[in-house]
Amino acid sequence: MQPEQIKNKGQARLFENPFLESLTKTRPWVIYVLYIPVCMYMLYYSYGTLGFSIGRVLGVFFFAFFFWTLFEYFAHRYLFHYEPKSKIGQRIVYIFHGNHHEYPRDKMRLFMPPVPSIILASVIFAIIWFSLAGVIGDPNYTFMFFPGFMIGYLAYVSMHYAIHAFAPPKYLKALWRNHHLHHYKYPEKGFGVSSTFWDMIFRTVPEKK
């Protein structure tokens, strides 16, 4: 997914309709306000109402947080960089991710906007609920797993925003380098954003030269 020309200024026009176009943009604080209170309440509900121990709540939460990093890698590699042959498929991929590769410094589209984000989060919650009901027989674990997964997502988009908006701190230069090489030189490598761990596991770390 390498655009013909990478534009470091401006932003893509995704919809002619002004209202639909406005739904494709957001600021980070909106997403934080949307999800952090929900996640905190779910964790409290797991302990205070469902009766899970603090250790169980934290254990499931951090497992889900780690699971997010694997999901992030595979989603970026195989969904966001899927190359469909149909015009409709190409349009969908461009709306979700291709426009970011063409306009990597568009800060208004580094976080998924509220409307599609809520829809997708609801679907993910349902998938987790029914999966846990089938695998372990207790869907209430969703109230611990979902917050860990979503806080993992927030860590990912926050890191992604920082990489495109700010200069790298010394201890995170590897992440900045990994992602910039993904954008400007090796679009088929460097799929980890919040971590280079899975790139190392699956041998997709971009070459430094």
N, C-alpha and C. Protein backbone atom coordinates (compact mmCIF):
# COMPACT_ATOMS: atom_id res chain seq x y z
N MET A 1 0.84 -1.19 0.00
CA MET A 1 0.00 0.00 0.00
C MET A 1 0.87 1.24 0.00
N GLN A 2 1.50 1.50 -1.10
CA GLN A 2 2.35 2.67 -1.21
C GLN A 2 1.70 3.62 -2.21
N PRO A 3 1.24 4.81 -1.75
CA PRO A 3 0.60 5.74 -2.68
C PRO A 3 1.61 6.25 -3.71
N GLU A 4 1.08 6.75 -4.83
CA GLU A 4 1.96 7.28 -5.86
C GLU A 4 2.78 8.44 -5.35
N GLN A 5 2.18 9.23 -4.47
CA GLN A 5 2.89 10.36 -3.88
C GLN A 5 2.46 10.54 -2.43
N ILE A 6 3.42 10.60 -1.52
CA ILE A 6 3.13 10.84 -0.12
C ILE A 6 3.09 12.35 0.11
N LYS A 7 1.99 12.82 0.69
CA LYS A 7 1.80 14.26 0.91
C LYS A 7 1.89 14.55 2.40
N ASN A 8 2.87 15.33 2.80
CA ASN A 8 3.06 15.63 4.21
C ASN A 8 2.26 16.84 4.67
N LYS A 9 1.49 17.43 3.77
CA LYS A 9 0.59 18.53 4.13
C LYS A 9 -0.79 18.25 3.54
N GLY A 10 -1.82 18.76 4.22
CA GLY A 10 -3.17 18.59 3.73
C GLY A 10 -3.81 17.30 4.24
N GLN A 11 -5.00 17.03 3.72
CA GLN A 11 -5.70 15.81 4.09
C GLN A 11 -6.60 15.37 2.94
N ALA A 12 -6.92 14.08 2.93
CA ALA A 12 -7.75 13.52 1.88
C ALA A 12 -9.20 13.94 2.06
N ARG A 13 -9.89 14.06 0.95
CA ARG A 13 -11.34 14.29 0.98
C ARG A 13 -11.98 12.93 0.76
N LEU A 14 -12.61 12.40 1.78
CA LEU A 14 -13.16 11.04 1.70
C LEU A 14 -14.60 11.01 1.21
N PHE A 15 -15.38 12.04 1.55
CA PHE A 15 -16.78 12.10 1.13
C PHE A 15 -17.11 13.51 0.63
N GLU A 16 -17.94 13.58 -0.40
CA GLU A 16 -18.40 14.87 -0.90
C GLU A 16 -19.38 15.50 0.07
N ASN A 17 -20.18 14.68 0.74
CA ASN A 17 -21.15 15.19 1.70
C ASN A 17 -20.42 15.75 2.92
N PRO A 18 -20.64 17.03 3.26
CA PRO A 18 -19.93 17.65 4.40
C PRO A 18 -20.16 16.95 5.73
N PHE A 19 -21.40 16.47 5.94
CA PHE A 19 -21.69 15.80 7.21
C PHE A 19 -20.93 14.49 7.33
N LEU A 20 -20.96 13.68 6.26
CA LEU A 20 -20.21 12.42 6.29
C LEU A 20 -18.72 12.68 6.43
N GLU A 21 -18.24 13.72 5.76
CA GLU A 21 -16.82 14.06 5.85
C GLU A 21 -16.44 14.42 7.29
N SER A 22 -17.33 15.14 7.98
CA SER A 22 -17.04 15.53 9.37
C SER A 22 -16.95 14.33 10.29
N LEU A 23 -17.65 13.24 9.94
CA LEU A 23 -17.63 12.03 10.78
C LEU A 23 -16.34 11.24 10.64
N THR A 24 -15.47 11.63 9.72
CA THR A 24 -14.21 10.92 9.51
C THR A 24 -13.05 11.54 10.29
N LYS A 25 -13.35 12.57 11.08
CA LYS A 25 -12.28 13.29 11.78
C LYS A 25 -12.59 13.36 13.27
N THR A 26 -11.55 13.42 14.07
CA THR A 26 -11.74 13.57 15.51
C THR A 26 -10.44 14.03 16.16
N ARG A 27 -10.57 14.41 17.42
CA ARG A 27 -9.40 14.78 18.23
C ARG A 27 -9.21 13.74 19.33
N PRO A 28 -7.97 13.54 19.78
CA PRO A 28 -7.71 12.48 20.77
C PRO A 28 -8.56 12.54 22.02
N TRP A 29 -8.78 13.74 22.58
CA TRP A 29 -9.50 13.85 23.85
C TRP A 29 -10.92 13.29 23.76
N VAL A 30 -11.52 13.37 22.56
CA VAL A 30 -12.87 12.85 22.39
C VAL A 30 -12.91 11.35 22.64
N ILE A 31 -11.91 10.64 22.12
CA ILE A 31 -11.87 9.19 22.26
C ILE A 31 -11.51 8.79 23.69
N TYR A 32 -10.64 9.57 24.34
CA TYR A 32 -10.32 9.29 25.74
C TYR A 32 -11.58 9.41 26.61
N VAL A 33 -12.32 10.50 26.41
CA VAL A 33 -13.54 10.73 27.20
C VAL A 33 -14.57 9.65 26.92
N LEU A 34 -14.57 9.15 25.72
CA LEU A 34 -15.55 8.14 25.31
C LEU A 34 -15.30 6.79 25.98
N TYR A 35 -14.03 6.38 26.06
CA TYR A 35 -13.74 5.00 26.47
C TYR A 35 -13.17 4.81 27.87
N ILE A 36 -12.38 5.75 28.35
CA ILE A 36 -11.75 5.54 29.65
C ILE A 36 -12.77 5.38 30.78
N PRO A 37 -13.81 6.24 30.87
CA PRO A 37 -14.82 6.02 31.93
C PRO A 37 -15.53 4.67 31.81
N VAL A 38 -15.83 4.25 30.59
CA VAL A 38 -16.50 2.95 30.37
C VAL A 38 -15.61 1.81 30.85
N CYS A 39 -14.34 1.87 30.50
CA CYS A 39 -13.40 0.82 30.90
C CYS A 39 -13.23 0.78 32.42
N MET A 40 -13.13 1.95 33.04
CA MET A 40 -12.97 2.00 34.50
C MET A 40 -14.21 1.43 35.19
N TYR A 41 -15.39 1.75 34.66
CA TYR A 41 -16.62 1.23 35.28
C TYR A 41 -16.70 -0.28 35.14
N MET A 42 -16.34 -0.81 33.98
CA MET A 42 -16.39 -2.26 33.78
C MET A 42 -15.47 -2.99 34.74
N LEU A 43 -14.29 -2.43 34.99
CA LEU A 43 -13.38 -3.06 35.94
C LEU A 43 -13.94 -3.00 37.36
N TYR A 44 -14.51 -1.86 37.71
CA TYR A 44 -15.14 -1.72 39.03
C TYR A 44 -16.32 -2.69 39.17
N TYR A 45 -17.11 -2.79 38.12
CA TYR A 45 -18.26 -3.70 38.11
C TYR A 45 -17.81 -5.15 38.28
N SER A 46 -16.69 -5.50 37.65
CA SER A 46 -16.17 -6.87 37.74
C SER A 46 -15.81 -7.21 39.18
N TYR A 47 -15.23 -6.24 39.88
CA TYR A 47 -14.81 -6.47 41.27
C TYR A 47 -15.96 -6.27 42.26
N GLY A 48 -16.65 -5.13 42.13
CA GLY A 48 -17.65 -4.77 43.13
C GLY A 48 -18.98 -5.50 43.01
N THR A 49 -19.40 -5.83 41.79
CA THR A 49 -20.71 -6.47 41.59
C THR A 49 -20.59 -7.95 41.24
N LEU A 50 -19.71 -8.27 40.32
CA LEU A 50 -19.57 -9.67 39.90
C LEU A 50 -18.76 -10.49 40.88
N GLY A 51 -17.97 -9.81 41.73
CA GLY A 51 -17.27 -10.51 42.80
C GLY A 51 -15.94 -11.13 42.43
N PHE A 52 -15.36 -10.75 41.31
CA PHE A 52 -14.04 -11.26 40.96
C PHE A 52 -12.99 -10.61 41.85
N SER A 53 -11.94 -11.37 42.17
CA SER A 53 -10.87 -10.83 43.01
C SER A 53 -10.05 -9.79 42.24
N ILE A 54 -9.35 -8.95 43.00
CA ILE A 54 -8.48 -7.95 42.37
C ILE A 54 -7.45 -8.62 41.47
N GLY A 55 -6.89 -9.73 41.95
CA GLY A 55 -5.89 -10.45 41.16
C GLY A 55 -6.46 -10.96 39.85
N ARG A 56 -7.69 -11.49 39.89
CA ARG A 56 -8.32 -12.00 38.68
C ARG A 56 -8.63 -10.85 37.71
N VAL A 57 -9.13 -9.75 38.24
CA VAL A 57 -9.46 -8.59 37.40
C VAL A 57 -8.21 -8.07 36.70
N LEU A 58 -7.15 -7.89 37.47
CA LEU A 58 -5.91 -7.36 36.89
C LEU A 58 -5.27 -8.36 35.94
N GLY A 59 -5.33 -9.64 36.29
CA GLY A 59 -4.74 -10.67 35.43
C GLY A 59 -5.39 -10.71 34.06
N VAL A 60 -6.73 -10.72 34.03
CA VAL A 60 -7.46 -10.75 32.76
C VAL A 60 -7.24 -9.44 32.00
N PHE A 61 -7.24 -8.33 32.73
CA PHE A 61 -7.03 -7.02 32.10
C PHE A 61 -5.69 -6.97 31.37
N PHE A 62 -4.61 -7.36 32.06
CA PHE A 62 -3.28 -7.27 31.44
C PHE A 62 -3.08 -8.33 30.35
N PHE A 63 -3.72 -9.47 30.47
CA PHE A 63 -3.68 -10.46 29.40
C PHE A 63 -4.32 -9.87 28.13
N ALA A 64 -5.46 -9.21 28.31
CA ALA A 64 -6.15 -8.61 27.17
C ALA A 64 -5.34 -7.47 26.58
N PHE A 65 -4.66 -6.72 27.45
CA PHE A 65 -3.79 -5.63 26.98
C PHE A 65 -2.69 -6.20 26.08
N PHE A 66 -2.08 -7.30 26.51
CA PHE A 66 -1.04 -7.94 25.71
C PHE A 66 -1.64 -8.54 24.42
N PHE A 67 -2.82 -9.13 24.54
CA PHE A 67 -3.48 -9.70 23.37
C PHE A 67 -3.73 -8.63 22.32
N TRP A 68 -4.02 -7.40 22.77
CA TRP A 68 -4.23 -6.31 21.81
C TRP A 68 -3.01 -6.15 20.90
N THR A 69 -1.80 -6.24 21.44
CA THR A 69 -0.60 -6.00 20.64
C THR A 69 -0.50 -6.99 19.48
N LEU A 70 -0.93 -8.24 19.72
CA LEU A 70 -0.94 -9.23 18.64
C LEU A 70 -2.04 -8.90 17.64
N PHE A 71 -3.21 -8.53 18.14
CA PHE A 71 -4.31 -8.14 17.26
C PHE A 71 -3.91 -6.94 16.40
N GLU A 72 -3.26 -5.97 17.03
CA GLU A 72 -2.78 -4.77 16.32
C GLU A 72 -1.89 -5.15 15.15
N TYR A 73 -0.95 -6.06 15.39
CA TYR A 73 -0.01 -6.47 14.35
C TYR A 73 -0.74 -7.12 13.18
N PHE A 74 -1.60 -8.10 13.48
CA PHE A 74 -2.28 -8.83 12.40
C PHE A 74 -3.31 -7.96 11.68
N ALA A 75 -4.00 -7.09 12.41
CA ALA A 75 -4.97 -6.21 11.77
C ALA A 75 -4.26 -5.25 10.81
N HIS A 76 -3.14 -4.70 11.26
CA HIS A 76 -2.38 -3.78 10.41
C HIS A 76 -1.81 -4.49 9.18
N ARG A 77 -1.30 -5.67 9.40
CA ARG A 77 -0.64 -6.38 8.30
C ARG A 77 -1.62 -6.95 7.28
N TYR A 78 -2.70 -7.57 7.77
CA TYR A 78 -3.56 -8.33 6.86
C TYR A 78 -4.90 -7.67 6.53
N LEU A 79 -5.36 -6.74 7.36
CA LEU A 79 -6.60 -6.03 7.06
C LEU A 79 -6.34 -4.66 6.45
N PHE A 80 -5.54 -3.84 7.16
CA PHE A 80 -5.29 -2.50 6.67
C PHE A 80 -4.48 -2.50 5.37
N HIS A 81 -3.64 -3.52 5.19
CA HIS A 81 -2.81 -3.58 3.98
C HIS A 81 -3.29 -4.63 2.99
N TYR A 82 -4.54 -5.03 3.14
CA TYR A 82 -5.15 -5.92 2.15
C TYR A 82 -5.30 -5.17 0.83
N GLU A 83 -5.01 -5.83 -0.26
CA GLU A 83 -5.08 -5.18 -1.57
C GLU A 83 -6.18 -5.84 -2.41
N PRO A 84 -7.41 -5.35 -2.29
CA PRO A 84 -8.53 -5.92 -3.05
C PRO A 84 -8.44 -5.56 -4.53
N LYS A 85 -9.07 -6.35 -5.34
CA LYS A 85 -9.07 -6.10 -6.78
C LYS A 85 -10.26 -5.25 -7.22
N SER A 86 -11.35 -5.29 -6.48
CA SER A 86 -12.54 -4.54 -6.86
C SER A 86 -12.40 -3.07 -6.48
N LYS A 87 -13.10 -2.21 -7.22
CA LYS A 87 -13.07 -0.78 -6.93
C LYS A 87 -13.67 -0.47 -5.57
N ILE A 88 -14.75 -1.18 -5.22
CA ILE A 88 -15.38 -0.95 -3.93
C ILE A 88 -14.44 -1.33 -2.80
N GLY A 89 -13.77 -2.48 -2.95
CA GLY A 89 -12.81 -2.92 -1.94
C GLY A 89 -11.67 -1.94 -1.78
N GLN A 90 -11.15 -1.44 -2.89
CA GLN A 90 -10.07 -0.47 -2.84
C GLN A 90 -10.51 0.82 -2.16
N ARG A 91 -11.77 1.20 -2.42
CA ARG A 91 -12.32 2.41 -1.79
C ARG A 91 -12.41 2.24 -0.28
N ILE A 92 -12.89 1.08 0.16
CA ILE A 92 -13.03 0.81 1.59
C ILE A 92 -11.67 0.84 2.28
N VAL A 93 -10.68 0.17 1.68
CA VAL A 93 -9.34 0.14 2.27
C VAL A 93 -8.74 1.54 2.32
N TYR A 94 -9.01 2.34 1.29
CA TYR A 94 -8.47 3.71 1.27
C TYR A 94 -9.10 4.54 2.39
N ILE A 95 -10.40 4.39 2.60
CA ILE A 95 -11.08 5.16 3.65
C ILE A 95 -10.53 4.78 5.02
N PHE A 96 -10.32 3.49 5.25
CA PHE A 96 -9.89 3.03 6.57
C PHE A 96 -8.41 3.24 6.83
N HIS A 97 -7.57 3.13 5.80
CA HIS A 97 -6.13 3.19 6.06
C HIS A 97 -5.30 3.83 4.94
N GLY A 98 -5.74 3.65 3.70
CA GLY A 98 -4.94 4.15 2.59
C GLY A 98 -4.74 5.65 2.62
N ASN A 99 -5.77 6.39 3.05
CA ASN A 99 -5.63 7.85 3.11
C ASN A 99 -4.56 8.27 4.10
N HIS A 100 -4.37 7.45 5.15
CA HIS A 100 -3.32 7.76 6.13
C HIS A 100 -1.93 7.61 5.52
N HIS A 101 -1.76 6.64 4.63
CA HIS A 101 -0.47 6.48 3.97
C HIS A 101 -0.21 7.60 2.96
N GLU A 102 -1.26 8.14 2.40
CA GLU A 102 -1.09 9.26 1.46
C GLU A 102 -0.87 10.57 2.20
N TYR A 103 -1.54 10.75 3.34
CA TYR A 103 -1.41 11.96 4.17
C TYR A 103 -1.04 11.55 5.59
N PRO A 104 0.20 11.11 5.81
CA PRO A 104 0.57 10.56 7.13
C PRO A 104 0.57 11.57 8.27
N ARG A 105 0.59 12.86 7.96
CA ARG A 105 0.64 13.87 9.02
C ARG A 105 -0.72 14.54 9.28
N ASP A 106 -1.77 13.93 8.77
CA ASP A 106 -3.12 14.44 9.02
C ASP A 106 -3.53 14.03 10.43
N LYS A 107 -3.40 14.96 11.39
CA LYS A 107 -3.65 14.64 12.80
C LYS A 107 -5.12 14.36 13.11
N MET A 108 -6.02 14.82 12.26
CA MET A 108 -7.45 14.64 12.53
C MET A 108 -7.93 13.22 12.22
N ARG A 109 -7.06 12.41 11.59
CA ARG A 109 -7.48 11.05 11.26
C ARG A 109 -6.53 10.00 11.83
N LEU A 110 -5.83 10.34 12.89
CA LEU A 110 -4.95 9.37 13.53
C LEU A 110 -5.70 8.53 14.56
N PHE A 111 -6.82 9.04 15.07
CA PHE A 111 -7.72 8.29 15.94
C PHE A 111 -8.98 7.95 15.15
N MET A 112 -9.53 6.75 15.36
CA MET A 112 -10.79 6.42 14.70
C MET A 112 -11.89 7.31 15.26
N PRO A 113 -12.66 7.97 14.42
CA PRO A 113 -13.72 8.87 14.89
C PRO A 113 -14.79 8.15 15.71
N PRO A 114 -15.56 8.91 16.51
CA PRO A 114 -16.50 8.29 17.46
C PRO A 114 -17.54 7.36 16.85
N VAL A 115 -18.21 7.75 15.77
CA VAL A 115 -19.30 6.93 15.24
C VAL A 115 -18.83 5.56 14.78
N PRO A 116 -17.86 5.47 13.85
CA PRO A 116 -17.39 4.13 13.47
C PRO A 116 -16.71 3.41 14.62
N SER A 117 -16.08 4.17 15.53
CA SER A 117 -15.40 3.56 16.66
C SER A 117 -16.39 2.87 17.60
N ILE A 118 -17.51 3.52 17.88
CA ILE A 118 -18.53 2.93 18.77
C ILE A 118 -19.13 1.69 18.14
N ILE A 119 -19.39 1.76 16.84
CA ILE A 119 -19.96 0.60 16.13
C ILE A 119 -18.99 -0.58 16.20
N LEU A 120 -17.72 -0.32 15.90
CA LEU A 120 -16.73 -1.39 15.91
C LEU A 120 -16.51 -1.92 17.31
N ALA A 121 -16.45 -1.03 18.31
CA ALA A 121 -16.25 -1.46 19.69
C ALA A 121 -17.42 -2.34 20.16
N SER A 122 -18.62 -2.01 19.73
CA SER A 122 -19.80 -2.81 20.10
C SER A 122 -19.72 -4.21 19.50
N VAL A 123 -19.27 -4.27 18.25
CA VAL A 123 -19.10 -5.58 17.60
C VAL A 123 -18.03 -6.39 18.32
N ILE A 124 -16.93 -5.74 18.66
CA ILE A 124 -15.84 -6.43 19.36
C ILE A 124 -16.30 -6.93 20.72
N PHE A 125 -17.08 -6.10 21.45
CA PHE A 125 -17.61 -6.51 22.75
C PHE A 125 -18.47 -7.77 22.59
N ALA A 126 -19.31 -7.78 21.57
CA ALA A 126 -20.19 -8.94 21.33
C ALA A 126 -19.38 -10.18 20.98
N ILE A 127 -18.35 -10.02 20.16
CA ILE A 127 -17.50 -11.15 19.79
C ILE A 127 -16.80 -11.73 21.02
N ILE A 128 -16.27 -10.84 21.87
CA ILE A 128 -15.60 -11.30 23.09
C ILE A 128 -16.61 -12.01 24.00
N TRP A 129 -17.79 -11.42 24.15
CA TRP A 129 -18.82 -11.99 25.02
C TRP A 129 -19.18 -13.43 24.62
N PHE A 130 -19.50 -13.60 23.34
CA PHE A 130 -19.92 -14.92 22.87
C PHE A 130 -18.74 -15.90 22.81
N SER A 131 -17.54 -15.38 22.54
CA SER A 131 -16.36 -16.25 22.51
C SER A 131 -16.05 -16.79 23.90
N LEU A 132 -16.10 -15.92 24.90
CA LEU A 132 -15.82 -16.35 26.27
C LEU A 132 -16.93 -17.25 26.81
N ALA A 133 -18.15 -16.99 26.39
CA ALA A 133 -19.26 -17.85 26.79
C ALA A 133 -19.06 -19.26 26.25
N GLY A 134 -18.54 -19.36 25.03
CA GLY A 134 -18.34 -20.66 24.43
C GLY A 134 -17.08 -21.36 24.90
N VAL A 135 -16.01 -20.60 25.14
CA VAL A 135 -14.72 -21.20 25.47
C VAL A 135 -14.60 -21.55 26.96
N ILE A 136 -14.95 -20.60 27.83
CA ILE A 136 -14.78 -20.85 29.27
C ILE A 136 -16.12 -20.93 30.01
N GLY A 137 -17.21 -20.66 29.31
CA GLY A 137 -18.52 -20.78 29.93
C GLY A 137 -18.94 -19.63 30.81
N ASP A 138 -18.18 -18.54 30.81
CA ASP A 138 -18.54 -17.39 31.64
C ASP A 138 -18.29 -16.09 30.88
N PRO A 139 -19.32 -15.55 30.25
CA PRO A 139 -19.14 -14.31 29.48
C PRO A 139 -18.84 -13.08 30.33
N ASN A 140 -19.02 -13.19 31.66
CA ASN A 140 -18.74 -12.04 32.52
C ASN A 140 -17.27 -11.63 32.51
N TYR A 141 -16.41 -12.53 32.05
CA TYR A 141 -15.00 -12.17 31.91
C TYR A 141 -14.82 -11.05 30.88
N THR A 142 -15.81 -10.84 30.06
CA THR A 142 -15.77 -9.76 29.07
C THR A 142 -15.58 -8.41 29.74
N PHE A 143 -16.14 -8.25 30.94
CA PHE A 143 -16.06 -6.97 31.64
C PHE A 143 -14.65 -6.68 32.15
N MET A 144 -13.76 -7.66 32.10
CA MET A 144 -12.35 -7.45 32.42
C MET A 144 -11.50 -7.46 31.16
N PHE A 145 -11.86 -8.33 30.21
CA PHE A 145 -11.08 -8.46 28.97
C PHE A 145 -11.27 -7.25 28.06
N PHE A 146 -12.50 -6.81 27.90
CA PHE A 146 -12.77 -5.68 27.01
C PHE A 146 -12.03 -4.41 27.43
N PRO A 147 -12.02 -4.03 28.72
CA PRO A 147 -11.24 -2.85 29.12
C PRO A 147 -9.75 -2.98 28.80
N GLY A 148 -9.18 -4.16 29.04
CA GLY A 148 -7.76 -4.36 28.73
C GLY A 148 -7.50 -4.21 27.24
N PHE A 149 -8.38 -4.76 26.44
CA PHE A 149 -8.27 -4.67 24.99
C PHE A 149 -8.38 -3.22 24.53
N MET A 150 -9.34 -2.49 25.07
CA MET A 150 -9.56 -1.10 24.65
C MET A 150 -8.46 -0.16 25.16
N ILE A 151 -7.96 -0.40 26.37
CA ILE A 151 -6.84 0.43 26.84
C ILE A 151 -5.60 0.14 25.99
N GLY A 152 -5.46 -1.12 25.55
CA GLY A 152 -4.40 -1.43 24.60
C GLY A 152 -4.57 -0.65 23.32
N TYR A 153 -5.82 -0.56 22.85
CA TYR A 153 -6.10 0.24 21.65
C TYR A 153 -5.76 1.71 21.87
N LEU A 154 -6.13 2.26 23.04
CA LEU A 154 -5.84 3.66 23.32
C LEU A 154 -4.33 3.90 23.39
N ALA A 155 -3.59 2.95 23.94
CA ALA A 155 -2.13 3.07 23.98
C ALA A 155 -1.57 3.08 22.56
N TYR A 156 -2.13 2.22 21.72
CA TYR A 156 -1.69 2.14 20.31
C TYR A 156 -1.96 3.45 19.56
N VAL A 157 -3.20 3.97 19.63
CA VAL A 157 -3.50 5.18 18.87
C VAL A 157 -2.78 6.39 19.45
N SER A 158 -2.55 6.38 20.76
CA SER A 158 -1.80 7.48 21.38
C SER A 158 -0.35 7.48 20.89
N MET A 159 0.24 6.30 20.84
CA MET A 159 1.60 6.18 20.32
C MET A 159 1.65 6.57 18.85
N HIS A 160 0.65 6.13 18.10
CA HIS A 160 0.59 6.44 16.67
C HIS A 160 0.49 7.95 16.46
N TYR A 161 -0.34 8.60 17.26
CA TYR A 161 -0.48 10.06 17.18
C TYR A 161 0.85 10.74 17.50
N ALA A 162 1.49 10.29 18.57
CA ALA A 162 2.76 10.90 18.98
C ALA A 162 3.83 10.74 17.92
N ILE A 163 3.89 9.57 17.28
CA ILE A 163 4.89 9.31 16.25
C ILE A 163 4.74 10.29 15.09
N HIS A 164 3.50 10.59 14.72
CA HIS A 164 3.27 11.48 13.57
C HIS A 164 3.26 12.96 13.94
N ALA A 165 3.12 13.25 15.23
CA ALA A 165 2.96 14.65 15.63
C ALA A 165 4.16 15.25 16.36
N PHE A 166 5.00 14.40 16.95
CA PHE A 166 6.07 14.92 17.80
C PHE A 166 7.42 14.28 17.47
N ALA A 167 8.48 14.93 17.92
CA ALA A 167 9.82 14.36 17.80
C ALA A 167 9.96 13.22 18.82
N PRO A 168 10.75 12.20 18.50
CA PRO A 168 10.84 11.04 19.40
C PRO A 168 11.70 11.29 20.63
N PRO A 169 11.25 10.85 21.80
CA PRO A 169 12.14 10.83 22.97
C PRO A 169 13.21 9.77 22.73
N LYS A 170 14.34 9.90 23.41
CA LYS A 170 15.48 9.01 23.16
C LYS A 170 15.13 7.53 23.35
N TYR A 171 14.34 7.22 24.37
CA TYR A 171 14.07 5.82 24.69
C TYR A 171 13.01 5.19 23.77
N LEU A 172 12.43 5.99 22.87
CA LEU A 172 11.42 5.44 21.96
C LEU A 172 11.79 5.64 20.48
N LYS A 173 13.06 5.94 20.23
CA LYS A 173 13.46 6.19 18.85
C LYS A 173 13.24 4.99 17.94
N ALA A 174 13.36 3.78 18.49
CA ALA A 174 13.18 2.57 17.67
C ALA A 174 11.77 2.50 17.12
N LEU A 175 10.77 2.87 17.95
CA LEU A 175 9.38 2.86 17.49
C LEU A 175 9.16 3.89 16.39
N TRP A 176 9.70 5.09 16.59
CA TRP A 176 9.57 6.15 15.58
C TRP A 176 10.21 5.69 14.26
N ARG A 177 11.40 5.16 14.35
CA ARG A 177 12.12 4.72 13.14
C ARG A 177 11.35 3.60 12.44
N ASN A 178 10.87 2.64 13.22
CA ASN A 178 10.14 1.51 12.66
C ASN A 178 8.92 1.98 11.85
N HIS A 179 8.18 2.91 12.41
CA HIS A 179 6.94 3.34 11.75
C HIS A 179 7.21 4.26 10.56
N HIS A 180 8.22 5.10 10.69
CA HIS A 180 8.53 5.99 9.55
C HIS A 180 9.10 5.20 8.38
N LEU A 181 9.86 4.16 8.66
CA LEU A 181 10.33 3.30 7.58
C LEU A 181 9.17 2.57 6.93
N HIS A 182 8.18 2.21 7.74
CA HIS A 182 6.98 1.56 7.20
C HIS A 182 6.26 2.49 6.22
N HIS A 183 6.20 3.77 6.57
CA HIS A 183 5.49 4.73 5.72
C HIS A 183 6.26 5.11 4.47
N TYR A 184 7.54 5.34 4.62
CA TYR A 184 8.28 5.99 3.54
C TYR A 184 9.17 5.06 2.72
N LYS A 185 9.40 3.82 3.21
CA LYS A 185 10.33 2.97 2.48
C LYS A 185 9.89 1.51 2.38
N TYR A 186 9.39 0.96 3.49
CA TYR A 186 9.04 -0.47 3.51
C TYR A 186 7.59 -0.67 3.97
N PRO A 187 6.61 -0.41 3.11
CA PRO A 187 5.21 -0.58 3.53
C PRO A 187 4.83 -2.03 3.84
N GLU A 188 5.69 -2.98 3.41
CA GLU A 188 5.41 -4.39 3.67
C GLU A 188 6.09 -4.86 4.95
N LYS A 189 6.65 -3.94 5.71
CA LYS A 189 7.30 -4.27 6.98
C LYS A 189 6.93 -3.21 8.02
N GLY A 190 7.30 -3.50 9.29
CA GLY A 190 7.08 -2.52 10.35
C GLY A 190 5.61 -2.34 10.70
N PHE A 191 4.89 -3.43 10.96
CA PHE A 191 3.46 -3.33 11.23
C PHE A 191 3.14 -3.03 12.69
N GLY A 192 4.09 -3.24 13.57
CA GLY A 192 3.86 -2.90 14.96
C GLY A 192 4.00 -1.41 15.18
N VAL A 193 3.06 -0.81 15.90
CA VAL A 193 3.11 0.63 16.18
C VAL A 193 3.42 0.87 17.65
N SER A 194 2.68 0.23 18.54
CA SER A 194 2.91 0.40 19.97
C SER A 194 4.10 -0.41 20.46
N SER A 195 4.56 -1.36 19.64
CA SER A 195 5.70 -2.20 20.02
C SER A 195 6.31 -2.82 18.76
N THR A 196 7.61 -3.09 18.80
CA THR A 196 8.26 -3.80 17.70
C THR A 196 8.36 -5.30 17.98
N PHE A 197 7.76 -5.75 19.09
CA PHE A 197 7.89 -7.13 19.53
C PHE A 197 7.44 -8.13 18.45
N TRP A 198 6.23 -7.94 17.91
CA TRP A 198 5.72 -8.90 16.94
C TRP A 198 6.42 -8.79 15.59
N ASP A 199 6.93 -7.61 15.27
CA ASP A 199 7.75 -7.49 14.06
C ASP A 199 9.01 -8.34 14.19
N MET A 200 9.57 -8.38 15.39
CA MET A 200 10.75 -9.21 15.60
C MET A 200 10.39 -10.69 15.55
N ILE A 201 9.25 -11.05 16.13
CA ILE A 201 8.81 -12.46 16.14
C ILE A 201 8.55 -12.95 14.71
N PHE A 202 7.88 -12.13 13.91
CA PHE A 202 7.50 -12.53 12.55
C PHE A 202 8.45 -12.02 11.47
N ARG A 203 9.58 -11.48 11.89
CA ARG A 203 10.65 -11.07 10.99
C ARG A 203 10.20 -10.03 9.96
N THR A 204 9.51 -9.01 10.45
CA THR A 204 9.10 -7.93 9.57
C THR A 204 9.64 -6.57 10.04
N VAL A 205 10.75 -6.61 10.78
CA VAL A 205 11.39 -5.36 11.20
C VAL A 205 12.05 -4.72 9.98
N PRO A 206 11.76 -3.45 9.70
CA PRO A 206 12.38 -2.80 8.54
C PRO A 206 13.89 -2.70 8.69
N GLU A 207 14.59 -2.78 7.56
CA GLU A 207 16.04 -2.61 7.59
C GLU A 207 16.37 -1.16 7.94
N LYS A 208 17.44 -0.97 8.69
CA LYS A 208 17.79 0.37 9.16
C LYS A 208 18.42 1.23 8.08
N LYS A 209 19.04 0.61 7.09
CA LYS A 209 19.72 1.41 6.07
C LYS A 209 18.76 1.96 5.05
